[in-house]
Each structure stands twice: as C-alpha cells, then as structure tokens.
C-alpha cells in the first residue's frame, strides 16, 4: 500500500507523517496477488481496466460508484454494523486491532523495541500503552500451562 485515503478521498498521512514500508509474509503476498487477478476479472465486468494506480481494496459507495477506494471510516462503519447485528461480540475498531496485534506480538516473545518499530512509534513509551504488559504472559509460560492442563 502506497497510501491511504480519508472519507473524502484525500490522501491521509500518519500522525508523524511517516512513510512506512511493511514487510509481509509470502503467504499474504500470494493471497494479495490472487486477489488482484480476481479483482481484474470483477472490474472488467464493469468495463474498468485495472491500472498500476488500482487500489487493492475497493467497494461500491452509497452513490453507486464502483471501484471506490476504501477509507478508515468504511471499515469502522462495517465493524459497527457487525456489532449491531451480533450483540454478543465485543466492540472492536481497526485501532483496537492494532492494540491486539501489538499484544499478541509481545505474547509471542517479540521485543518491545521491535513492536515499537513496527508500529512506527517514536519511542517504546508509546508502545507500552498498546501492550497491556500486566496482562501479558510470555508464550512459553502459556504453553507450559496449557500442556499441564492437557495431562
């Protein structure tokens, strides 16, 4: 992803105006490449030819425009509608998923410094607010506890 858009389709920057490059697993790369092929076929049905500028994730907006680029409000609204239909689920937002990812990385043994770098935080103090360390059990301890429960 080169850029993200706000709900008005303006290029949106990060809090620190940082340009970040993310390394993704080969499995995700393959999945995205597969999607791009399928997307090309789907867009062709609407007479749209895919270009290098094509966004990976698009939708049909409320005005019926096909191939509108997603924005963060779209995902927030979709997550709210899921919660509305499924009251048993906890309230979630894309930002909460960011916190969850940081916590899971810490549980898996990733250093606070590495998590901080991945989240593009300027220091680990900010990252500590993402990782609820008092509730984080190192993965090895959790695995030992789980194995002992199975005995």
N, C-alpha and C. Protein backbone atom coordinates (compact mmCIF):
# COMPACT_ATOMS: atom_id res chain seq x y z
N UNK A 1 0.85 -1.17 0.00
CA UNK A 1 0.00 0.00 0.00
C UNK A 1 0.89 1.23 0.00
N UNK A 2 0.67 2.07 -0.92
CA UNK A 2 1.45 3.30 -1.01
C UNK A 2 0.81 4.40 -0.18
N UNK A 3 -0.51 4.41 -0.13
CA UNK A 3 -1.19 5.48 0.59
C UNK A 3 -2.55 5.03 1.06
N UNK A 4 -3.10 5.79 1.98
CA UNK A 4 -4.45 5.56 2.46
C UNK A 4 -5.24 6.84 2.24
N UNK A 5 -6.55 6.70 2.17
CA UNK A 5 -7.41 7.85 1.93
C UNK A 5 -8.35 8.07 3.11
N UNK A 6 -8.77 9.32 3.31
CA UNK A 6 -9.81 9.60 4.28
C UNK A 6 -11.17 9.46 3.58
N UNK A 7 -12.25 9.72 4.32
CA UNK A 7 -13.58 9.51 3.74
C UNK A 7 -13.90 10.46 2.59
N UNK A 8 -13.11 11.52 2.44
CA UNK A 8 -13.30 12.46 1.33
C UNK A 8 -12.37 12.15 0.16
N UNK A 9 -11.69 11.01 0.24
CA UNK A 9 -10.76 10.52 -0.78
C UNK A 9 -9.51 11.37 -0.90
N UNK A 10 -9.15 12.03 0.20
CA UNK A 10 -7.89 12.77 0.26
C UNK A 10 -6.82 11.85 0.84
N UNK A 11 -5.59 11.97 0.34
CA UNK A 11 -4.50 11.16 0.87
C UNK A 11 -4.32 11.50 2.34
N UNK A 12 -4.29 10.45 3.15
CA UNK A 12 -4.21 10.60 4.60
C UNK A 12 -2.81 10.23 5.06
N UNK A 13 -2.24 11.02 5.94
CA UNK A 13 -0.91 10.70 6.45
C UNK A 13 -1.02 10.14 7.86
N UNK A 14 0.06 9.56 8.34
CA UNK A 14 0.09 9.06 9.71
C UNK A 14 0.28 10.24 10.65
N UNK A 15 0.13 9.96 11.95
CA UNK A 15 0.29 11.03 12.95
C UNK A 15 1.62 11.74 12.80
N UNK A 16 2.67 10.97 12.57
CA UNK A 16 4.00 11.56 12.48
C UNK A 16 4.44 11.85 11.06
N UNK A 17 3.49 11.80 10.11
CA UNK A 17 3.80 12.00 8.69
C UNK A 17 4.94 11.10 8.22
N UNK A 18 4.91 9.85 8.68
CA UNK A 18 5.97 8.91 8.33
C UNK A 18 5.54 8.06 7.14
N UNK A 19 6.47 7.80 6.25
CA UNK A 19 6.22 6.87 5.17
C UNK A 19 6.81 5.54 5.63
N UNK A 20 5.98 4.54 5.70
CA UNK A 20 6.39 3.26 6.25
C UNK A 20 6.28 2.16 5.22
N UNK A 21 7.29 1.31 5.17
CA UNK A 21 7.26 0.13 4.31
C UNK A 21 7.09 -1.08 5.22
N UNK A 22 6.10 -1.90 4.92
CA UNK A 22 5.84 -3.09 5.71
C UNK A 22 6.30 -4.33 4.97
N UNK A 23 6.97 -5.20 5.68
CA UNK A 23 7.31 -6.50 5.11
C UNK A 23 6.15 -7.42 5.44
N UNK A 24 5.69 -8.16 4.45
CA UNK A 24 4.58 -9.07 4.69
C UNK A 24 5.01 -10.49 4.34
N UNK A 25 4.39 -11.48 5.00
CA UNK A 25 4.75 -12.87 4.73
C UNK A 25 4.43 -13.26 3.29
N UNK A 26 5.16 -14.22 2.78
CA UNK A 26 4.97 -14.70 1.40
C UNK A 26 3.53 -15.17 1.19
N UNK A 27 2.94 -15.79 2.23
CA UNK A 27 1.56 -16.27 2.11
C UNK A 27 0.59 -15.12 1.85
N UNK A 28 0.82 -14.00 2.52
CA UNK A 28 -0.04 -12.84 2.30
C UNK A 28 0.20 -12.24 0.92
N UNK A 29 1.45 -12.22 0.50
CA UNK A 29 1.78 -11.74 -0.85
C UNK A 29 1.04 -12.56 -1.90
N UNK A 30 1.08 -13.88 -1.74
CA UNK A 30 0.39 -14.77 -2.69
C UNK A 30 -1.12 -14.55 -2.67
N UNK A 31 -1.67 -14.35 -1.48
CA UNK A 31 -3.10 -14.11 -1.35
C UNK A 31 -3.50 -12.80 -2.03
N UNK A 32 -2.69 -11.76 -1.85
CA UNK A 32 -2.98 -10.47 -2.48
C UNK A 32 -2.83 -10.54 -4.00
N UNK A 33 -1.84 -11.29 -4.47
CA UNK A 33 -1.67 -11.46 -5.92
C UNK A 33 -2.86 -12.20 -6.52
N UNK A 34 -3.34 -13.21 -5.80
CA UNK A 34 -4.51 -13.95 -6.24
C UNK A 34 -5.73 -13.02 -6.29
N UNK A 35 -5.88 -12.18 -5.27
CA UNK A 35 -6.99 -11.23 -5.25
C UNK A 35 -6.90 -10.26 -6.42
N UNK A 36 -5.70 -9.76 -6.73
CA UNK A 36 -5.54 -8.81 -7.82
C UNK A 36 -6.01 -9.43 -9.15
N UNK A 37 -5.74 -10.72 -9.35
CA UNK A 37 -6.20 -11.40 -10.57
C UNK A 37 -7.73 -11.46 -10.59
N UNK A 38 -8.31 -11.84 -9.45
CA UNK A 38 -9.76 -11.92 -9.36
C UNK A 38 -10.38 -10.53 -9.52
N UNK A 39 -9.75 -9.53 -8.91
CA UNK A 39 -10.24 -8.16 -9.00
C UNK A 39 -10.26 -7.69 -10.45
N UNK A 40 -9.24 -8.04 -11.20
CA UNK A 40 -9.17 -7.65 -12.61
C UNK A 40 -10.38 -8.19 -13.36
N UNK A 41 -10.72 -9.44 -13.10
CA UNK A 41 -11.89 -10.07 -13.73
C UNK A 41 -13.18 -9.37 -13.31
N UNK A 42 -13.31 -9.11 -12.01
CA UNK A 42 -14.52 -8.47 -11.50
C UNK A 42 -14.68 -7.06 -12.06
N UNK A 43 -13.59 -6.30 -12.10
CA UNK A 43 -13.67 -4.93 -12.62
C UNK A 43 -14.00 -4.91 -14.11
N UNK A 44 -13.50 -5.90 -14.84
CA UNK A 44 -13.76 -5.98 -16.29
C UNK A 44 -15.26 -6.10 -16.56
N UNK A 45 -16.00 -6.73 -15.64
CA UNK A 45 -17.45 -6.85 -15.79
C UNK A 45 -18.13 -5.48 -15.81
N UNK A 46 -17.47 -4.49 -15.20
CA UNK A 46 -18.00 -3.12 -15.16
C UNK A 46 -17.31 -2.23 -16.18
N UNK A 47 -16.50 -2.83 -17.04
CA UNK A 47 -15.80 -2.06 -18.06
C UNK A 47 -14.62 -1.27 -17.51
N UNK A 48 -14.11 -1.68 -16.35
CA UNK A 48 -12.99 -0.98 -15.73
C UNK A 48 -11.72 -1.77 -15.97
N UNK A 49 -10.72 -1.11 -16.53
CA UNK A 49 -9.43 -1.76 -16.78
C UNK A 49 -8.50 -1.42 -15.63
N UNK A 50 -7.94 -2.47 -15.04
CA UNK A 50 -7.02 -2.29 -13.92
C UNK A 50 -5.75 -1.58 -14.38
N UNK A 51 -5.27 -0.67 -13.54
CA UNK A 51 -4.02 0.04 -13.85
C UNK A 51 -3.07 -0.11 -12.66
N UNK A 52 -1.87 0.44 -12.80
CA UNK A 52 -0.91 0.41 -11.69
C UNK A 52 -1.40 1.23 -10.51
N UNK A 53 -2.33 2.14 -10.76
CA UNK A 53 -2.86 3.01 -9.71
C UNK A 53 -4.05 2.36 -8.98
N UNK A 54 -4.44 1.16 -9.40
CA UNK A 54 -5.61 0.49 -8.84
C UNK A 54 -5.40 0.19 -7.36
N UNK A 55 -6.38 0.57 -6.55
CA UNK A 55 -6.35 0.23 -5.13
C UNK A 55 -6.64 -1.25 -4.95
N UNK A 56 -6.06 -1.83 -3.93
CA UNK A 56 -6.25 -3.26 -3.66
C UNK A 56 -7.67 -3.50 -3.16
N UNK A 57 -8.15 -2.65 -2.27
CA UNK A 57 -9.47 -2.84 -1.68
C UNK A 57 -10.38 -1.68 -2.07
N UNK A 58 -11.47 -2.02 -2.73
CA UNK A 58 -12.44 -1.02 -3.17
C UNK A 58 -13.84 -1.52 -2.85
N UNK A 59 -14.81 -0.65 -3.04
CA UNK A 59 -16.20 -1.03 -2.79
C UNK A 59 -17.12 -0.18 -3.66
N UNK A 60 -18.40 -0.52 -3.65
CA UNK A 60 -19.40 0.29 -4.34
C UNK A 60 -19.95 1.26 -3.30
N UNK A 61 -19.73 2.56 -3.50
CA UNK A 61 -20.13 3.54 -2.49
C UNK A 61 -21.64 3.77 -2.51
N UNK A 62 -22.11 4.62 -1.60
CA UNK A 62 -23.56 4.86 -1.44
C UNK A 62 -24.18 5.51 -2.66
N UNK A 63 -23.37 6.12 -3.50
CA UNK A 63 -23.88 6.75 -4.73
C UNK A 63 -23.87 5.76 -5.89
N UNK A 64 -23.42 4.52 -5.63
CA UNK A 64 -23.38 3.51 -6.68
C UNK A 64 -22.11 3.50 -7.50
N UNK A 65 -21.13 4.30 -7.10
CA UNK A 65 -19.85 4.32 -7.83
C UNK A 65 -19.07 3.05 -7.55
N UNK A 66 -18.75 2.35 -8.61
CA UNK A 66 -17.98 1.11 -8.49
C UNK A 66 -16.50 1.47 -8.37
N UNK A 67 -15.76 0.65 -7.63
CA UNK A 67 -14.31 0.79 -7.54
C UNK A 67 -13.86 2.00 -6.71
N UNK A 68 -14.68 2.38 -5.73
CA UNK A 68 -14.28 3.47 -4.83
C UNK A 68 -13.27 2.92 -3.82
N UNK A 69 -12.17 3.64 -3.60
CA UNK A 69 -11.18 3.14 -2.64
C UNK A 69 -11.71 3.15 -1.21
N UNK A 70 -11.36 2.13 -0.46
CA UNK A 70 -11.76 2.06 0.94
C UNK A 70 -11.08 3.16 1.74
N UNK A 71 -11.72 3.56 2.81
CA UNK A 71 -11.13 4.51 3.75
C UNK A 71 -11.40 3.99 5.15
N UNK A 72 -10.72 4.53 6.14
CA UNK A 72 -10.83 4.00 7.50
C UNK A 72 -12.25 4.08 8.05
N UNK A 73 -13.01 5.10 7.71
CA UNK A 73 -14.38 5.20 8.20
C UNK A 73 -15.25 4.06 7.67
N UNK A 74 -14.97 3.61 6.46
CA UNK A 74 -15.73 2.49 5.88
C UNK A 74 -15.57 1.26 6.77
N UNK A 75 -14.33 0.95 7.14
CA UNK A 75 -14.07 -0.22 7.98
C UNK A 75 -14.67 -0.04 9.36
N UNK A 76 -14.55 1.15 9.93
CA UNK A 76 -15.17 1.42 11.23
C UNK A 76 -16.67 1.18 11.17
N UNK A 77 -17.32 1.69 10.12
CA UNK A 77 -18.77 1.51 9.97
C UNK A 77 -19.15 0.05 9.80
N UNK A 78 -18.36 -0.70 9.03
CA UNK A 78 -18.65 -2.13 8.85
C UNK A 78 -18.52 -2.88 10.17
N UNK A 79 -17.49 -2.53 10.94
CA UNK A 79 -17.30 -3.20 12.24
C UNK A 79 -18.44 -2.85 13.20
N UNK A 80 -18.93 -1.62 13.15
CA UNK A 80 -20.08 -1.23 13.97
C UNK A 80 -21.32 -2.01 13.57
N UNK A 81 -21.52 -2.20 12.27
CA UNK A 81 -22.72 -2.91 11.82
C UNK A 81 -22.67 -4.38 12.22
N UNK A 82 -21.49 -4.97 12.24
CA UNK A 82 -21.35 -6.35 12.71
C UNK A 82 -21.72 -6.42 14.18
N UNK A 83 -21.21 -5.49 14.97
CA UNK A 83 -21.52 -5.44 16.41
C UNK A 83 -23.02 -5.25 16.63
N UNK A 84 -23.64 -4.42 15.81
CA UNK A 84 -25.07 -4.16 15.94
C UNK A 84 -25.88 -5.44 15.70
N UNK A 85 -25.45 -6.23 14.72
CA UNK A 85 -26.15 -7.49 14.40
C UNK A 85 -25.80 -8.62 15.35
N UNK A 86 -24.64 -8.53 16.00
CA UNK A 86 -24.16 -9.60 16.89
C UNK A 86 -23.80 -9.00 18.24
N UNK A 87 -24.82 -8.83 19.07
CA UNK A 87 -24.64 -8.16 20.37
C UNK A 87 -23.64 -8.89 21.27
N UNK A 88 -23.45 -10.19 21.03
CA UNK A 88 -22.56 -10.97 21.89
C UNK A 88 -21.08 -10.63 21.67
N UNK A 89 -20.78 -9.96 20.58
CA UNK A 89 -19.39 -9.61 20.28
C UNK A 89 -18.97 -8.34 21.02
N UNK A 90 -17.70 -8.28 21.37
CA UNK A 90 -17.15 -7.07 21.99
C UNK A 90 -17.02 -5.98 20.93
N UNK A 91 -17.11 -4.74 21.36
CA UNK A 91 -16.92 -3.60 20.45
C UNK A 91 -15.48 -3.63 19.93
N UNK A 92 -15.31 -3.52 18.64
CA UNK A 92 -13.97 -3.54 18.05
C UNK A 92 -13.85 -2.42 17.02
N UNK A 93 -12.62 -1.96 16.86
CA UNK A 93 -12.30 -0.95 15.86
C UNK A 93 -10.98 -1.34 15.22
N UNK A 94 -10.66 -0.80 14.06
CA UNK A 94 -9.35 -1.08 13.48
C UNK A 94 -8.21 -0.72 14.44
N UNK A 95 -8.40 0.35 15.21
CA UNK A 95 -7.35 0.76 16.15
C UNK A 95 -7.20 -0.26 17.28
N UNK A 96 -8.31 -0.85 17.72
CA UNK A 96 -8.22 -1.90 18.74
C UNK A 96 -7.50 -3.12 18.18
N UNK A 97 -7.68 -3.39 16.89
CA UNK A 97 -6.95 -4.50 16.27
C UNK A 97 -5.45 -4.23 16.29
N UNK A 98 -5.08 -2.97 16.16
CA UNK A 98 -3.66 -2.58 16.25
C UNK A 98 -3.11 -2.90 17.64
N UNK A 99 -3.90 -2.58 18.67
CA UNK A 99 -3.51 -2.91 20.04
C UNK A 99 -3.40 -4.42 20.23
N UNK A 100 -4.38 -5.15 19.69
CA UNK A 100 -4.37 -6.60 19.80
C UNK A 100 -3.15 -7.19 19.12
N UNK A 101 -2.83 -6.70 17.94
CA UNK A 101 -1.64 -7.19 17.24
C UNK A 101 -0.38 -6.96 18.04
N UNK A 102 -0.27 -5.79 18.66
CA UNK A 102 0.91 -5.49 19.48
C UNK A 102 0.98 -6.42 20.69
N UNK A 103 -0.15 -6.66 21.33
CA UNK A 103 -0.19 -7.54 22.49
C UNK A 103 0.15 -8.97 22.09
N UNK A 104 -0.40 -9.44 20.98
CA UNK A 104 -0.08 -10.80 20.52
C UNK A 104 1.39 -10.94 20.16
N UNK A 105 1.96 -9.91 19.57
CA UNK A 105 3.39 -9.94 19.25
C UNK A 105 4.22 -10.04 20.53
N UNK A 106 3.82 -9.29 21.55
CA UNK A 106 4.53 -9.34 22.84
C UNK A 106 4.39 -10.72 23.46
N UNK A 107 3.20 -11.29 23.41
CA UNK A 107 2.97 -12.63 23.95
C UNK A 107 3.81 -13.67 23.24
N UNK A 108 4.06 -13.45 21.96
CA UNK A 108 4.86 -14.39 21.17
C UNK A 108 6.36 -14.19 21.40
N UNK A 109 6.72 -13.22 22.25
CA UNK A 109 8.12 -13.03 22.58
C UNK A 109 8.82 -11.92 21.82
N UNK A 110 8.10 -11.15 21.03
CA UNK A 110 8.71 -10.04 20.28
C UNK A 110 9.10 -8.93 21.26
N UNK A 111 10.26 -8.36 21.07
CA UNK A 111 10.73 -7.30 21.97
C UNK A 111 9.88 -6.05 21.81
N UNK A 112 9.81 -5.27 22.88
CA UNK A 112 9.07 -4.02 22.85
C UNK A 112 9.64 -3.08 21.79
N UNK A 113 10.96 -3.12 21.61
CA UNK A 113 11.62 -2.27 20.61
C UNK A 113 11.17 -2.65 19.20
N UNK A 114 11.08 -3.95 18.92
CA UNK A 114 10.66 -4.41 17.59
C UNK A 114 9.20 -4.05 17.33
N UNK A 115 8.36 -4.20 18.36
CA UNK A 115 6.95 -3.83 18.22
C UNK A 115 6.82 -2.34 17.98
N UNK A 116 7.58 -1.56 18.73
CA UNK A 116 7.58 -0.10 18.59
C UNK A 116 7.96 0.31 17.18
N UNK A 117 8.98 -0.33 16.64
CA UNK A 117 9.42 -0.03 15.27
C UNK A 117 8.34 -0.39 14.26
N UNK A 118 7.71 -1.56 14.45
CA UNK A 118 6.67 -2.00 13.52
C UNK A 118 5.46 -1.05 13.54
N UNK A 119 5.16 -0.50 14.71
CA UNK A 119 4.03 0.42 14.84
C UNK A 119 4.42 1.86 14.50
N UNK A 120 5.66 2.05 14.14
CA UNK A 120 6.25 3.36 13.81
C UNK A 120 6.11 4.37 14.95
N UNK A 121 6.26 3.87 16.17
CA UNK A 121 6.26 4.77 17.33
C UNK A 121 7.64 5.39 17.48
N UNK A 122 7.69 6.61 17.97
CA UNK A 122 8.98 7.28 18.14
C UNK A 122 9.74 6.76 19.35
N UNK A 123 9.03 6.14 20.29
CA UNK A 123 9.70 5.54 21.45
C UNK A 123 8.85 4.40 22.01
N UNK A 124 9.46 3.60 22.89
CA UNK A 124 8.75 2.44 23.44
C UNK A 124 7.72 2.84 24.49
N UNK A 125 7.80 4.05 25.00
CA UNK A 125 6.82 4.51 25.98
C UNK A 125 5.42 4.50 25.37
N UNK A 126 5.31 4.97 24.14
CA UNK A 126 4.03 4.94 23.43
C UNK A 126 3.58 3.50 23.23
N UNK A 127 4.52 2.63 22.87
CA UNK A 127 4.19 1.23 22.62
C UNK A 127 3.67 0.55 23.87
N UNK A 128 4.18 0.93 25.03
CA UNK A 128 3.72 0.32 26.29
C UNK A 128 2.23 0.54 26.51
N UNK A 129 1.68 1.64 25.98
CA UNK A 129 0.24 1.86 26.11
C UNK A 129 -0.54 0.90 25.21
N UNK A 130 0.10 0.41 24.16
CA UNK A 130 -0.54 -0.55 23.25
C UNK A 130 -0.50 -1.95 23.82
N UNK A 131 0.56 -2.26 24.53
CA UNK A 131 0.75 -3.61 25.06
C UNK A 131 0.44 -3.58 26.54
N UNK A 132 -0.64 -4.20 26.91
CA UNK A 132 -1.03 -4.23 28.32
C UNK A 132 -0.16 -5.26 29.02
N UNK A 133 1.06 -4.86 29.38
CA UNK A 133 2.06 -5.80 29.87
C UNK A 133 1.65 -6.52 31.14
N UNK A 134 0.82 -5.91 31.98
CA UNK A 134 0.43 -6.60 33.20
C UNK A 134 -0.43 -7.82 32.90
N UNK A 135 -1.06 -7.85 31.73
CA UNK A 135 -1.91 -8.98 31.35
C UNK A 135 -1.25 -9.89 30.32
N UNK A 136 0.01 -9.64 30.02
CA UNK A 136 0.69 -10.42 29.00
C UNK A 136 1.54 -11.49 29.66
N UNK A 137 1.27 -12.73 29.29
CA UNK A 137 2.06 -13.85 29.78
C UNK A 137 2.93 -14.31 28.63
N UNK A 138 4.25 -14.48 28.89
CA UNK A 138 5.11 -14.95 27.80
C UNK A 138 4.57 -16.25 27.21
N UNK A 139 4.68 -16.41 25.90
CA UNK A 139 4.13 -17.56 25.21
C UNK A 139 4.62 -18.87 25.82
N UNK A 140 5.90 -18.93 26.17
CA UNK A 140 6.44 -20.17 26.73
C UNK A 140 5.71 -20.55 28.01
N UNK A 141 5.43 -19.60 28.89
CA UNK A 141 4.72 -19.87 30.13
C UNK A 141 3.30 -20.33 29.83
N UNK A 142 2.65 -19.66 28.89
CA UNK A 142 1.31 -20.06 28.49
C UNK A 142 1.27 -21.46 27.91
N UNK A 143 2.26 -21.80 27.10
CA UNK A 143 2.32 -23.14 26.52
C UNK A 143 2.51 -24.20 27.59
N UNK A 144 3.38 -23.93 28.56
CA UNK A 144 3.61 -24.87 29.66
C UNK A 144 2.32 -25.09 30.44
N UNK A 145 1.63 -24.00 30.75
CA UNK A 145 0.37 -24.11 31.49
C UNK A 145 -0.65 -24.92 30.69
N UNK A 146 -0.74 -24.67 29.40
CA UNK A 146 -1.69 -25.38 28.55
C UNK A 146 -1.36 -26.87 28.50
N UNK A 147 -0.08 -27.20 28.32
CA UNK A 147 0.32 -28.62 28.27
C UNK A 147 -0.02 -29.32 29.58
N UNK A 148 0.20 -28.63 30.71
CA UNK A 148 -0.10 -29.23 32.01
C UNK A 148 -1.59 -29.45 32.20
N UNK A 149 -2.41 -28.59 31.62
CA UNK A 149 -3.86 -28.77 31.71
C UNK A 149 -4.32 -30.00 30.93
N UNK A 150 -3.61 -30.31 29.86
CA UNK A 150 -3.99 -31.43 29.00
C UNK A 150 -3.64 -32.78 29.62
N UNK A 151 -2.77 -32.79 30.65
CA UNK A 151 -2.33 -34.06 31.26
C UNK A 151 -3.40 -34.68 32.10
